[in-house]
Amino acid sequence: MVKRGKQPAPSALKILKGERKDRINKAEPQPLILSNNKPTVELNPAQEQIFHEYAQRLTRQRVLTENDVDMLSIYVREYCWYRYYMLLIEREGAILENDKGNKYEHPASNLANKHLKNVMAIAPHFGFSPSTRSRISVNEDQKVNPFKQLQK
């Protein structure tokens, strides 16, 4: 079930702003940053190219983790469908006219809107964005962060 209200700030941002320690999620999962940028679902060549562009950008920013590859693959697929329908609408026009002269909205606009909603909904799921990742808590036995072990 989706929580209502304002998205919480990421824990890293809360720390930088000097937030009270009791308001910071100490059990926030720390997934590993990925260097292997291969899609986990089958994509066509155009989708795969966009996937690699996004993956390289997110890897440079040290944002793409092992948990995010599936969602990025689905995001790219939905985004490509959205772009396809928008190009179709741009080519044929947003308003069409039938044989009787009645005007109607292009049928692809409903499909474009559907895929845009999917694109916009993917980011917060499964901790894809930092703000939603701060809502997740894991048990101590599940939490493994090799960098924290090296700091000790």
C-alpha atoms as a PDB file:
ATOM      1  CA  MET A   1       0.000   0.000   0.000  1.00  0.00           C
ATOM      2  CA  VAL A   2       1.328   3.418  -0.922  1.00  0.00           C
ATOM      3  CA  LYS A   3       1.834   5.908   1.883  1.00  0.00           C
ATOM      4  CA  ARG A   4       0.136   9.263   1.476  1.00  0.00           C
ATOM      5  CA  GLY A   5       1.625  12.670   1.975  1.00  0.00           C
ATOM      6  CA  LYS A   6       4.884  14.354   1.180  1.00  0.00           C
ATOM      7  CA  GLN A   7       7.801  12.143   0.145  1.00  0.00           C
ATOM      8  CA  PRO A   8      10.441  12.021   2.876  1.00  0.00           C
ATOM      9  CA  ALA A   9      13.858  13.475   2.211  1.00  0.00           C
ATOM     10  CA  PRO A  10      16.671  10.951   1.668  1.00  0.00           C
ATOM     11  CA  SER A  11      18.605  10.091   4.837  1.00  0.00           C
ATOM     12  CA  ALA A  12      21.837  11.459   3.352  1.00  0.00           C
ATOM     13  CA  LEU A  13      20.153  14.824   2.795  1.00  0.00           C
ATOM     14  CA  LYS A  14      18.699  14.787   6.321  1.00  0.00           C
ATOM     15  CA  ILE A  15      22.193  14.253   7.732  1.00  0.00           C
ATOM     16  CA  LEU A  16      23.610  17.121   5.655  1.00  0.00           C
ATOM     17  CA  LYS A  17      20.845  19.456   6.832  1.00  0.00           C
ATOM     18  CA  GLY A  18      21.535  18.560  10.466  1.00  0.00           C
ATOM     19  CA  GLU A  19      18.244  16.767  11.102  1.00  0.00           C
ATOM     20  CA  ARG A  20      17.721  15.308  14.571  1.00  0.00           C
ATOM     21  CA  LYS A  21      19.255  11.842  14.815  1.00  0.00           C
ATOM     22  CA  ASP A  22      15.984  10.229  15.937  1.00  0.00           C
ATOM     23  CA  ARG A  23      14.357  11.261  12.637  1.00  0.00           C
ATOM     24  CA  ILE A  24      16.935   9.499  10.465  1.00  0.00           C
ATOM     25  CA  ASN A  25      16.326   5.913   9.338  1.00  0.00           C
ATOM     26  CA  LYS A  26      19.375   4.066  10.662  1.00  0.00           C
ATOM     27  CA  ALA A  27      18.238   0.804   9.059  1.00  0.00           C
ATOM     28  CA  GLU A  28      17.988   2.192   5.524  1.00  0.00           C
ATOM     29  CA  PRO A  29      19.258  -0.404   3.040  1.00  0.00           C
ATOM     30  CA  GLN A  30      22.504   0.383   1.221  1.00  0.00           C
ATOM     31  CA  PRO A  31      22.439  -1.570  -2.062  1.00  0.00           C
ATOM     32  CA  LEU A  32      25.679  -2.038  -3.966  1.00  0.00           C
ATOM     33  CA  ILE A  33      26.523   0.405  -6.740  1.00  0.00           C
ATOM     34  CA  LEU A  34      26.636  -1.390 -10.083  1.00  0.00           C
ATOM     35  CA  SER A  35      29.288  -1.205 -12.738  1.00  0.00           C
ATOM     36  CA  ASN A  36      27.705  -3.964 -14.879  1.00  0.00           C
ATOM     37  CA  ASN A  37      25.061  -2.183 -16.940  1.00  0.00           C
ATOM     38  CA  LYS A  38      23.160  -4.987 -18.654  1.00  0.00           C
ATOM     39  CA  PRO A  39      19.366  -4.967 -18.898  1.00  0.00           C
ATOM     40  CA  THR A  40      17.632  -7.844 -17.166  1.00  0.00           C
ATOM     41  CA  VAL A  41      14.680  -7.952 -19.562  1.00  0.00           C
ATOM     42  CA  GLU A  42      14.783  -8.296 -23.327  1.00  0.00           C
ATOM     43  CA  LEU A  43      14.835  -4.913 -25.047  1.00  0.00           C
ATOM     44  CA  ASN A  44      14.887  -4.048 -28.732  1.00  0.00           C
ATOM     45  CA  PRO A  45      18.050  -2.309 -30.062  1.00  0.00           C
ATOM     46  CA  ALA A  46      16.636   1.225 -29.702  1.00  0.00           C
ATOM     47  CA  GLN A  47      15.487   0.525 -26.134  1.00  0.00           C
ATOM     48  CA  GLU A  48      18.830  -1.054 -25.288  1.00  0.00           C
ATOM     49  CA  GLN A  49      20.672   2.049 -26.492  1.00  0.00           C
ATOM     50  CA  ILE A  50      18.525   4.268 -24.263  1.00  0.00           C
ATOM     51  CA  PHE A  51      19.018   1.830 -21.385  1.00  0.00           C
ATOM     52  CA  HIS A  52      22.802   2.108 -21.713  1.00  0.00           C
ATOM     53  CA  GLU A  53      22.624   5.925 -21.878  1.00  0.00           C
ATOM     54  CA  TYR A  54      20.586   6.060 -18.659  1.00  0.00           C
ATOM     55  CA  ALA A  55      22.693   3.360 -17.002  1.00  0.00           C
ATOM     56  CA  GLN A  56      25.953   5.184 -17.773  1.00  0.00           C
ATOM     57  CA  ARG A  57      24.539   8.461 -16.470  1.00  0.00           C
ATOM     58  CA  LEU A  58      23.227   6.860 -13.278  1.00  0.00           C
ATOM     59  CA  THR A  59      26.450   4.899 -12.758  1.00  0.00           C
ATOM     60  CA  ARG A  60      28.538   8.075 -13.070  1.00  0.00           C
ATOM     61  CA  GLN A  61      26.296   9.632 -10.421  1.00  0.00           C
ATOM     62  CA  ARG A  62      26.713   6.466  -8.329  1.00  0.00           C
ATOM     63  CA  VAL A  63      22.926   6.041  -8.209  1.00  0.00           C
ATOM     64  CA  LEU A  64      22.334   2.822 -10.153  1.00  0.00           C
ATOM     65  CA  THR A  65      22.344  -0.120  -7.781  1.00  0.00           C
ATOM     66  CA  GLU A  66      21.779  -3.826  -8.175  1.00  0.00           C
ATOM     67  CA  ASN A  67      18.165  -3.279  -7.044  1.00  0.00           C
ATOM     68  CA  ASP A  68      17.450  -0.745  -9.774  1.00  0.00           C
ATOM     69  CA  VAL A  69      18.344  -2.618 -12.981  1.00  0.00           C
ATOM     70  CA  ASP A  70      14.956  -4.334 -13.379  1.00  0.00           C
ATOM     71  CA  MET A  71      13.070  -1.113 -12.787  1.00  0.00           C
ATOM     72  CA  LEU A  72      15.359   0.802 -15.137  1.00  0.00           C
ATOM     73  CA  SER A  73      14.689  -1.800 -17.844  1.00  0.00           C
ATOM     74  CA  ILE A  74      10.937  -1.457 -17.386  1.00  0.00           C
ATOM     75  CA  TYR A  75      11.240   2.331 -17.202  1.00  0.00           C
ATOM     76  CA  VAL A  76      13.095   2.409 -20.538  1.00  0.00           C
ATOM     77  CA  ARG A  77      10.515   0.165 -22.171  1.00  0.00           C
ATOM     78  CA  GLU A  78       7.624   2.354 -20.973  1.00  0.00           C
ATOM     79  CA  TYR A  79       9.496   5.536 -21.885  1.00  0.00           C
ATOM     80  CA  CYS A  80      10.121   4.258 -25.436  1.00  0.00           C
ATOM     81  CA  TRP A  81       6.436   3.442 -25.893  1.00  0.00           C
ATOM     82  CA  TYR A  82       5.546   6.907 -24.634  1.00  0.00           C
ATOM     83  CA  ARG A  83       7.973   8.497 -27.126  1.00  0.00           C
ATOM     84  CA  TYR A  84       6.628   6.324 -29.956  1.00  0.00           C
ATOM     85  CA  TYR A  85       3.035   7.411 -29.351  1.00  0.00           C
ATOM     86  CA  MET A  86       4.029  11.064 -28.970  1.00  0.00           C
ATOM     87  CA  LEU A  87       5.901  10.967 -32.298  1.00  0.00           C
ATOM     88  CA  LEU A  88       2.847   9.379 -33.901  1.00  0.00           C
ATOM     89  CA  ILE A  89       0.638  12.161 -32.521  1.00  0.00           C
ATOM     90  CA  GLU A  90       3.084  14.827 -33.696  1.00  0.00           C
ATOM     91  CA  ARG A  91       3.178  13.296 -37.174  1.00  0.00           C
ATOM     92  CA  GLU A  92      -0.592  12.811 -37.577  1.00  0.00           C
ATOM     93  CA  GLY A  93      -1.867  15.604 -35.327  1.00  0.00           C
ATOM     94  CA  ALA A  94      -3.497  15.544 -31.907  1.00  0.00           C
ATOM     95  CA  ILE A  95      -6.976  16.117 -33.348  1.00  0.00           C
ATOM     96  CA  LEU A  96      -8.193  13.940 -36.211  1.00  0.00           C
ATOM     97  CA  GLU A  97     -11.266  14.184 -38.408  1.00  0.00           C
ATOM     98  CA  ASN A  98     -13.441  11.243 -39.438  1.00  0.00           C
ATOM     99  CA  ASP A  99     -15.279  10.707 -42.751  1.00  0.00           C
ATOM    100  CA  LYS A 100     -18.303  12.685 -41.537  1.00  0.00           C
ATOM    101  CA  GLY A 101     -16.179  15.694 -40.570  1.00  0.00           C
ATOM    102  CA  ASN A 102     -16.389  15.117 -36.815  1.00  0.00           C
ATOM    103  CA  LYS A 103     -13.214  15.870 -34.891  1.00  0.00           C
ATOM    104  CA  TYR A 104     -11.823  13.535 -32.266  1.00  0.00           C
ATOM    105  CA  GLU A 105      -8.720  13.099 -30.161  1.00  0.00           C
ATOM    106  CA  HIS A 106      -5.979  10.884 -31.561  1.00  0.00           C
ATOM    107  CA  PRO A 107      -6.351   7.361 -30.075  1.00  0.00           C
ATOM    108  CA  ALA A 108      -2.610   7.253 -29.402  1.00  0.00           C
ATOM    109  CA  SER A 109      -2.943  10.080 -26.862  1.00  0.00           C
ATOM    110  CA  ASN A 110      -4.676   7.734 -24.392  1.00  0.00           C
ATOM    111  CA  LEU A 111      -1.883   5.187 -24.853  1.00  0.00           C
ATOM    112  CA  ALA A 112       0.778   7.883 -24.486  1.00  0.00           C
ATOM    113  CA  ASN A 113      -0.825   9.068 -21.256  1.00  0.00           C
ATOM    114  CA  LYS A 114      -0.982   5.481 -19.948  1.00  0.00           C
ATOM    115  CA  HIS A 115       2.724   4.926 -20.597  1.00  0.00           C
ATOM    116  CA  LEU A 116       3.619   8.333 -19.150  1.00  0.00           C
ATOM    117  CA  LYS A 117       1.770   7.429 -15.934  1.00  0.00           C
ATOM    118  CA  ASN A 118       3.720   4.168 -15.802  1.00  0.00           C
ATOM    119  CA  VAL A 119       6.996   6.028 -16.303  1.00  0.00           C
ATOM    120  CA  MET A 120       6.118   8.468 -13.526  1.00  0.00           C
ATOM    121  CA  ALA A 121       5.047   5.656 -11.198  1.00  0.00           C
ATOM    122  CA  ILE A 122       8.188   3.529 -11.560  1.00  0.00           C
ATOM    123  CA  ALA A 123      10.648   5.821  -9.795  1.00  0.00           C
ATOM    124  CA  PRO A 124       9.244   5.518  -6.269  1.00  0.00           C
ATOM    125  CA  HIS A 125       8.664   1.754  -6.350  1.00  0.00           C
ATOM    126  CA  PHE A 126      11.057  -0.656  -4.691  1.00  0.00           C
ATOM    127  CA  GLY A 127      13.282   2.125  -3.392  1.00  0.00           C
ATOM    128  CA  PHE A 128      14.200   3.383  -6.865  1.00  0.00           C
ATOM    129  CA  SER A 129      14.446   6.998  -5.680  1.00  0.00           C
ATOM    130  CA  PRO A 130      16.452   8.083  -2.641  1.00  0.00           C
ATOM    131  CA  SER A 131      13.408   9.553  -0.898  1.00  0.00           C
ATOM    132  CA  THR A 132      11.488   6.275  -1.051  1.00  0.00           C
ATOM    133  CA  ARG A 133      14.603   4.307  -0.115  1.00  0.00           C
ATOM    134  CA  SER A 134      14.671   6.222   3.190  1.00  0.00           C
ATOM    135  CA  ARG A 135      11.234   4.738   4.069  1.00  0.00           C
ATOM    136  CA  ILE A 136      12.517   1.165   3.901  1.00  0.00           C
ATOM    137  CA  SER A 137      13.896  -0.574   6.976  1.00  0.00           C
ATOM    138  CA  VAL A 138      15.732  -3.877   6.955  1.00  0.00           C
ATOM    139  CA  ASN A 139      16.554  -6.281   9.763  1.00  0.00           C
ATOM    140  CA  GLU A 140      20.100  -6.212  11.092  1.00  0.00           C
ATOM    141  CA  ASP A 141      20.781  -9.751   9.844  1.00  0.00           C
ATOM    142  CA  GLN A 142      19.731  -8.716   6.304  1.00  0.00           C
ATOM    143  CA  LYS A 143      21.699  -5.483   6.250  1.00  0.00           C
ATOM    144  CA  VAL A 144      25.094  -5.979   4.636  1.00  0.00           C
ATOM    145  CA  ASN A 145      27.247  -3.005   3.748  1.00  0.00           C
ATOM    146  CA  PRO A 146      30.878  -3.957   3.004  1.00  0.00           C
ATOM    147  CA  PHE A 147      32.005  -0.319   3.211  1.00  0.00           C
ATOM    148  CA  LYS A 148      30.812   0.033   6.810  1.00  0.00           C
ATOM    149  CA  GLN A 149      32.786  -3.090   7.735  1.00  0.00           C
ATOM    150  CA  LEU A 150      35.933  -1.547   6.259  1.00  0.00           C
ATOM    151  CA  GLN A 151      35.483   1.635   8.305  1.00  0.00           C
ATOM    152  CA  LYS A 152      35.731  -0.226  11.615  1.00  0.00           C
END
